[in-house]
Amino acid sequence: MLETNKTYPICPNCNKGANVRKHGKARSGLPRYFCNHCQKAFQNQYIYLAYHRQSTDTPVR
């Protein structure tokens, strides 16, 4: 029997990893993921810097 060891990232919104599934690819070709727990899509890497999640500690310009 073939074993596939798929590891999915942890959701940056709710910090859960068990409910994450693949959600296609972005325009850049990087994989997207969807969290079934918080119902949000995310990526691990971004090419365009404006798409990065911003913390609330940084002032908005």
PDB file of N, CA and C in Angstrom:
ATOM      1  N   MET A   1       0.838  -1.171   0.000  1.00  0.00           N
ATOM      2  CA  MET A   1       0.000   0.000   0.000  1.00  0.00           C
ATOM      3  C   MET A   1       0.890   1.244   0.000  1.00  0.00           C
ATOM      4  N   LEU A   2       0.523   2.214  -0.814  1.00  0.00           N
ATOM      5  CA  LEU A   2       1.281   3.458  -0.903  1.00  0.00           C
ATOM      6  C   LEU A   2       0.891   4.392   0.220  1.00  0.00           C
ATOM      7  N   GLU A   3       1.884   4.946   0.853  1.00  0.00           N
ATOM      8  CA  GLU A   3       1.628   5.942   1.894  1.00  0.00           C
ATOM      9  C   GLU A   3       2.033   7.303   1.367  1.00  0.00           C
ATOM     10  N   THR A   4       1.136   8.231   1.465  1.00  0.00           N
ATOM     11  CA  THR A   4       1.455   9.599   1.077  1.00  0.00           C
ATOM     12  C   THR A   4       1.530  10.434   2.340  1.00  0.00           C
ATOM     13  N   ASN A   5       2.648  11.056   2.538  1.00  0.00           N
ATOM     14  CA  ASN A   5       2.857  11.872   3.723  1.00  0.00           C
ATOM     15  C   ASN A   5       2.651  13.329   3.347  1.00  0.00           C
ATOM     16  N   LYS A   6       1.401  13.761   3.334  1.00  0.00           N
ATOM     17  CA  LYS A   6       1.087  15.148   3.002  1.00  0.00           C
ATOM     18  C   LYS A   6       1.096  15.973   4.272  1.00  0.00           C
ATOM     19  N   THR A   7       1.876  17.009   4.266  1.00  0.00           N
ATOM     20  CA  THR A   7       1.891  17.917   5.407  1.00  0.00           C
ATOM     21  C   THR A   7       1.362  19.264   4.940  1.00  0.00           C
ATOM     22  N   TYR A   8       0.364  19.747   5.623  1.00  0.00           N
ATOM     23  CA  TYR A   8      -0.227  21.025   5.295  1.00  0.00           C
ATOM     24  C   TYR A   8       0.196  22.045   6.338  1.00  0.00           C
ATOM     25  N   PRO A   9       0.258  23.298   5.953  1.00  0.00           N
ATOM     26  CA  PRO A   9       0.686  24.325   6.903  1.00  0.00           C
ATOM     27  C   PRO A   9      -0.375  24.601   7.965  1.00  0.00           C
ATOM     28  N   ILE A  10       0.039  25.302   8.981  1.00  0.00           N
ATOM     29  CA  ILE A  10      -0.871  25.729  10.047  1.00  0.00           C
ATOM     30  C   ILE A  10      -1.488  27.064   9.638  1.00  0.00           C
ATOM     31  N   CYS A  11      -2.764  27.195   9.857  1.00  0.00           N
ATOM     32  CA  CYS A  11      -3.483  28.415   9.488  1.00  0.00           C
ATOM     33  C   CYS A  11      -2.966  29.591  10.315  1.00  0.00           C
ATOM     34  N   PRO A  12      -2.586  30.706   9.677  1.00  0.00           N
ATOM     35  CA  PRO A  12      -2.092  31.868  10.425  1.00  0.00           C
ATOM     36  C   PRO A  12      -3.192  32.618  11.164  1.00  0.00           C
ATOM     37  N   ASN A  13      -4.462  32.356  10.834  1.00  0.00           N
ATOM     38  CA  ASN A  13      -5.572  33.055  11.476  1.00  0.00           C
ATOM     39  C   ASN A  13      -6.012  32.397  12.774  1.00  0.00           C
ATOM     40  N   CYS A  14      -6.134  31.052  12.763  1.00  0.00           N
ATOM     41  CA  CYS A  14      -6.653  30.362  13.949  1.00  0.00           C
ATOM     42  C   CYS A  14      -5.660  29.365  14.537  1.00  0.00           C
ATOM     43  N   ASN A  15      -4.486  29.217  13.946  1.00  0.00           N
ATOM     44  CA  ASN A  15      -3.414  28.323  14.420  1.00  0.00           C
ATOM     45  C   ASN A  15      -3.827  26.855  14.478  1.00  0.00           C
ATOM     46  N   LYS A  16      -4.709  26.435  13.596  1.00  0.00           N
ATOM     47  CA  LYS A  16      -5.103  25.034  13.489  1.00  0.00           C
ATOM     48  C   LYS A  16      -4.484  24.463  12.217  1.00  0.00           C
ATOM     49  N   GLY A  17      -4.045  23.218  12.280  1.00  0.00           N
ATOM     50  CA  GLY A  17      -3.439  22.609  11.106  1.00  0.00           C
ATOM     51  C   GLY A  17      -4.198  21.415  10.579  1.00  0.00           C
ATOM     52  N   ALA A  18      -5.103  20.859  11.382  1.00  0.00           N
ATOM     53  CA  ALA A  18      -5.806  19.645  10.989  1.00  0.00           C
ATOM     54  C   ALA A  18      -6.905  19.910   9.964  1.00  0.00           C
ATOM     55  N   ASN A  19      -7.419  21.117   9.911  1.00  0.00           N
ATOM     56  CA  ASN A  19      -8.549  21.433   9.036  1.00  0.00           C
ATOM     57  C   ASN A  19      -8.137  22.172   7.771  1.00  0.00           C
ATOM     58  N   VAL A  20      -6.870  22.135   7.410  1.00  0.00           N
ATOM     59  CA  VAL A  20      -6.379  22.869   6.249  1.00  0.00           C
ATOM     60  C   VAL A  20      -6.354  21.943   5.039  1.00  0.00           C
ATOM     61  N   ARG A  21      -6.803  22.470   3.887  1.00  0.00           N
ATOM     62  CA  ARG A  21      -6.765  21.705   2.640  1.00  0.00           C
ATOM     63  C   ARG A  21      -6.240  22.596   1.524  1.00  0.00           C
ATOM     64  N   LYS A  22      -5.837  21.996   0.429  1.00  0.00           N
ATOM     65  CA  LYS A  22      -5.351  22.765  -0.712  1.00  0.00           C
ATOM     66  C   LYS A  22      -6.508  23.538  -1.329  1.00  0.00           C
ATOM     67  N   HIS A  23      -6.181  24.711  -1.898  1.00  0.00           N
ATOM     68  CA  HIS A  23      -7.208  25.594  -2.451  1.00  0.00           C
ATOM     69  C   HIS A  23      -6.734  26.201  -3.763  1.00  0.00           C
ATOM     70  N   GLY A  24      -6.057  25.401  -4.583  1.00  0.00           N
ATOM     71  CA  GLY A  24      -5.617  25.874  -5.886  1.00  0.00           C
ATOM     72  C   GLY A  24      -4.279  26.579  -5.844  1.00  0.00           C
ATOM     73  N   LYS A  25      -4.048  27.389  -6.870  1.00  0.00           N
ATOM     74  CA  LYS A  25      -2.799  28.138  -6.969  1.00  0.00           C
ATOM     75  C   LYS A  25      -3.095  29.603  -7.221  1.00  0.00           C
ATOM     76  N   ALA A  26      -2.192  30.439  -6.753  1.00  0.00           N
ATOM     77  CA  ALA A  26      -2.300  31.878  -6.973  1.00  0.00           C
ATOM     78  C   ALA A  26      -1.794  32.205  -8.378  1.00  0.00           C
ATOM     79  N   ARG A  27      -1.937  33.431  -8.800  1.00  0.00           N
ATOM     80  CA  ARG A  27      -1.442  33.847 -10.119  1.00  0.00           C
ATOM     81  C   ARG A  27       0.055  33.642 -10.257  1.00  0.00           C
ATOM     82  N   SER A  28       0.753  33.729  -9.137  1.00  0.00           N
ATOM     83  CA  SER A  28       2.206  33.569  -9.157  1.00  0.00           C
ATOM     84  C   SER A  28       2.609  32.106  -9.272  1.00  0.00           C
ATOM     85  N   GLY A  29       1.640  31.186  -9.146  1.00  0.00           N
ATOM     86  CA  GLY A  29       1.938  29.767  -9.225  1.00  0.00           C
ATOM     87  C   GLY A  29       2.177  29.119  -7.874  1.00  0.00           C
ATOM     88  N   LEU A  30       2.151  29.898  -6.809  1.00  0.00           N
ATOM     89  CA  LEU A  30       2.346  29.364  -5.463  1.00  0.00           C
ATOM     90  C   LEU A  30       1.047  28.735  -4.964  1.00  0.00           C
ATOM     91  N   PRO A  31       1.135  27.670  -4.177  1.00  0.00           N
ATOM     92  CA  PRO A  31      -0.085  27.005  -3.698  1.00  0.00           C
ATOM     93  C   PRO A  31      -0.835  27.834  -2.660  1.00  0.00           C
ATOM     94  N   ARG A  32      -2.166  27.742  -2.721  1.00  0.00           N
ATOM     95  CA  ARG A  32      -3.032  28.383  -1.742  1.00  0.00           C
ATOM     96  C   ARG A  32      -3.657  27.293  -0.891  1.00  0.00           C
ATOM     97  N   TYR A  33      -4.051  27.657   0.317  1.00  0.00           N
ATOM     98  CA  TYR A  33      -4.669  26.722   1.256  1.00  0.00           C
ATOM     99  C   TYR A  33      -5.933  27.347   1.824  1.00  0.00           C
ATOM    100  N   PHE A  34      -6.858  26.496   2.277  1.00  0.00           N
ATOM    101  CA  PHE A  34      -8.112  26.949   2.858  1.00  0.00           C
ATOM    102  C   PHE A  34      -8.306  26.264   4.195  1.00  0.00           C
ATOM    103  N   CYS A  35      -8.651  27.029   5.213  1.00  0.00           N
ATOM    104  CA  CYS A  35      -8.888  26.487   6.549  1.00  0.00           C
ATOM    105  C   CYS A  35     -10.393  26.289   6.736  1.00  0.00           C
ATOM    106  N   ASN A  36     -10.804  25.046   6.973  1.00  0.00           N
ATOM    107  CA  ASN A  36     -12.217  24.762   7.197  1.00  0.00           C
ATOM    108  C   ASN A  36     -12.687  25.237   8.567  1.00  0.00           C
ATOM    109  N   HIS A  37     -11.779  25.487   9.469  1.00  0.00           N
ATOM    110  CA  HIS A  37     -12.155  25.925  10.820  1.00  0.00           C
ATOM    111  C   HIS A  37     -12.577  27.392  10.833  1.00  0.00           C
ATOM    112  N   CYS A  38     -11.749  28.267  10.264  1.00  0.00           N
ATOM    113  CA  CYS A  38     -12.062  29.705  10.273  1.00  0.00           C
ATOM    114  C   CYS A  38     -12.577  30.212   8.921  1.00  0.00           C
ATOM    115  N   GLN A  39     -12.658  29.320   7.923  1.00  0.00           N
ATOM    116  CA  GLN A  39     -13.204  29.655   6.599  1.00  0.00           C
ATOM    117  C   GLN A  39     -12.425  30.754   5.884  1.00  0.00           C
ATOM    118  N   LYS A  40     -11.073  30.693   5.985  1.00  0.00           N
ATOM    119  CA  LYS A  40     -10.243  31.696   5.316  1.00  0.00           C
ATOM    120  C   LYS A  40      -9.192  31.015   4.458  1.00  0.00           C
ATOM    121  N   ALA A  41      -8.855  31.657   3.341  1.00  0.00           N
ATOM    122  CA  ALA A  41      -7.818  31.167   2.451  1.00  0.00           C
ATOM    123  C   ALA A  41      -6.523  31.917   2.745  1.00  0.00           C
ATOM    124  N   PHE A  42      -5.386  31.242   2.534  1.00  0.00           N
ATOM    125  CA  PHE A  42      -4.097  31.874   2.785  1.00  0.00           C
ATOM    126  C   PHE A  42      -3.021  31.199   1.952  1.00  0.00           C
ATOM    127  N   GLN A  43      -1.866  31.806   1.905  1.00  0.00           N
ATOM    128  CA  GLN A  43      -0.675  31.268   1.255  1.00  0.00           C
ATOM    129  C   GLN A  43       0.464  31.277   2.259  1.00  0.00           C
ATOM    130  N   ASN A  44       1.459  30.430   2.039  1.00  0.00           N
ATOM    131  CA  ASN A  44       2.651  30.446   2.885  1.00  0.00           C
ATOM    132  C   ASN A  44       3.636  31.497   2.423  1.00  0.00           C
ATOM    133  N   GLN A  45       3.710  31.723   1.123  1.00  0.00           N
ATOM    134  CA  GLN A  45       4.657  32.676   0.549  1.00  0.00           C
ATOM    135  C   GLN A  45       3.903  33.672  -0.305  1.00  0.00           C
ATOM    136  N   TYR A  46       4.401  34.884  -0.346  1.00  0.00           N
ATOM    137  CA  TYR A  46       3.850  35.912  -1.204  1.00  0.00           C
ATOM    138  C   TYR A  46       4.994  36.558  -1.966  1.00  0.00           C
ATOM    139  N   ILE A  47       4.752  36.873  -3.222  1.00  0.00           N
ATOM    140  CA  ILE A  47       5.768  37.571  -4.011  1.00  0.00           C
ATOM    141  C   ILE A  47       5.559  39.079  -3.888  1.00  0.00           C
ATOM    142  N   TYR A  48       4.314  39.517  -3.980  1.00  0.00           N
ATOM    143  CA  TYR A  48       3.985  40.935  -3.871  1.00  0.00           C
ATOM    144  C   TYR A  48       3.873  41.287  -2.395  1.00  0.00           C
ATOM    145  N   LEU A  49       4.699  42.183  -1.898  1.00  0.00           N
ATOM    146  CA  LEU A  49       4.815  42.457  -0.470  1.00  0.00           C
ATOM    147  C   LEU A  49       3.562  43.067   0.153  1.00  0.00           C
ATOM    148  N   ALA A  50       2.708  43.722  -0.623  1.00  0.00           N
ATOM    149  CA  ALA A  50       1.505  44.333  -0.060  1.00  0.00           C
ATOM    150  C   ALA A  50       0.492  43.281   0.391  1.00  0.00           C
ATOM    151  N   TYR A  51       0.627  42.045  -0.079  1.00  0.00           N
ATOM    152  CA  TYR A  51      -0.298  40.981   0.309  1.00  0.00           C
ATOM    153  C   TYR A  51       0.061  40.339   1.637  1.00  0.00           C
ATOM    154  N   HIS A  52       1.196  40.649   2.217  1.00  0.00           N
ATOM    155  CA  HIS A  52       1.580  40.078   3.502  1.00  0.00           C
ATOM    156  C   HIS A  52       0.616  40.530   4.584  1.00  0.00           C
ATOM    157  N   ARG A  53       0.363  39.649   5.528  1.00  0.00           N
ATOM    158  CA  ARG A  53      -0.476  40.018   6.669  1.00  0.00           C
ATOM    159  C   ARG A  53       0.287  41.054   7.490  1.00  0.00           C
ATOM    160  N   GLN A  54      -0.377  42.109   7.855  1.00  0.00           N
ATOM    161  CA  GLN A  54       0.263  43.150   8.646  1.00  0.00           C
ATOM    162  C   GLN A  54      -0.186  43.007  10.085  1.00  0.00           C
ATOM    163  N   SER A  55       0.770  43.165  10.994  1.00  0.00           N
ATOM    164  CA  SER A  55       0.396  43.090  12.402  1.00  0.00           C
ATOM    165  C   SER A  55      -0.237  44.423  12.824  1.00  0.00           C
ATOM    166  N   THR A  56      -0.943  44.399  13.930  1.00  0.00           N
ATOM    167  CA  THR A  56      -1.613  45.621  14.389  1.00  0.00           C
ATOM    168  C   THR A  56      -0.625  46.564  15.087  1.00  0.00           C
ATOM    169  N   ASP A  57       0.609  46.095  15.311  1.00  0.00           N
ATOM    170  CA  ASP A  57       1.603  46.930  15.977  1.00  0.00           C
ATOM    171  C   ASP A  57       2.217  47.962  15.047  1.00  0.00           C
ATOM    172  N   THR A  58       2.205  47.712  13.741  1.00  0.00           N
ATOM    173  CA  THR A  58       2.834  48.624  12.804  1.00  0.00           C
ATOM    174  C   THR A  58       1.856  49.733  12.427  1.00  0.00           C
ATOM    175  N   PRO A  59       2.328  50.969  12.425  1.00  0.00           N
ATOM    176  CA  PRO A  59       1.444  52.085  12.062  1.00  0.00           C
ATOM    177  C   PRO A  59       1.126  52.064  10.565  1.00  0.00           C
ATOM    178  N   VAL A  60      -0.063  52.471  10.200  1.00  0.00           N
ATOM    179  CA  VAL A  60      -0.476  52.528   8.809  1.00  0.00           C
ATOM    180  C   VAL A  60      -0.057  53.866   8.245  1.00  0.00           C
ATOM    181  N   ARG A  61       0.540  53.848   7.084  1.00  0.00           N
ATOM    182  CA  ARG A  61       1.017  55.099   6.467  1.00  0.00           C
ATOM    183  C   ARG A  61       0.042  55.608   5.450  1.00  0.00           C
TER     184      ARG A  61
END
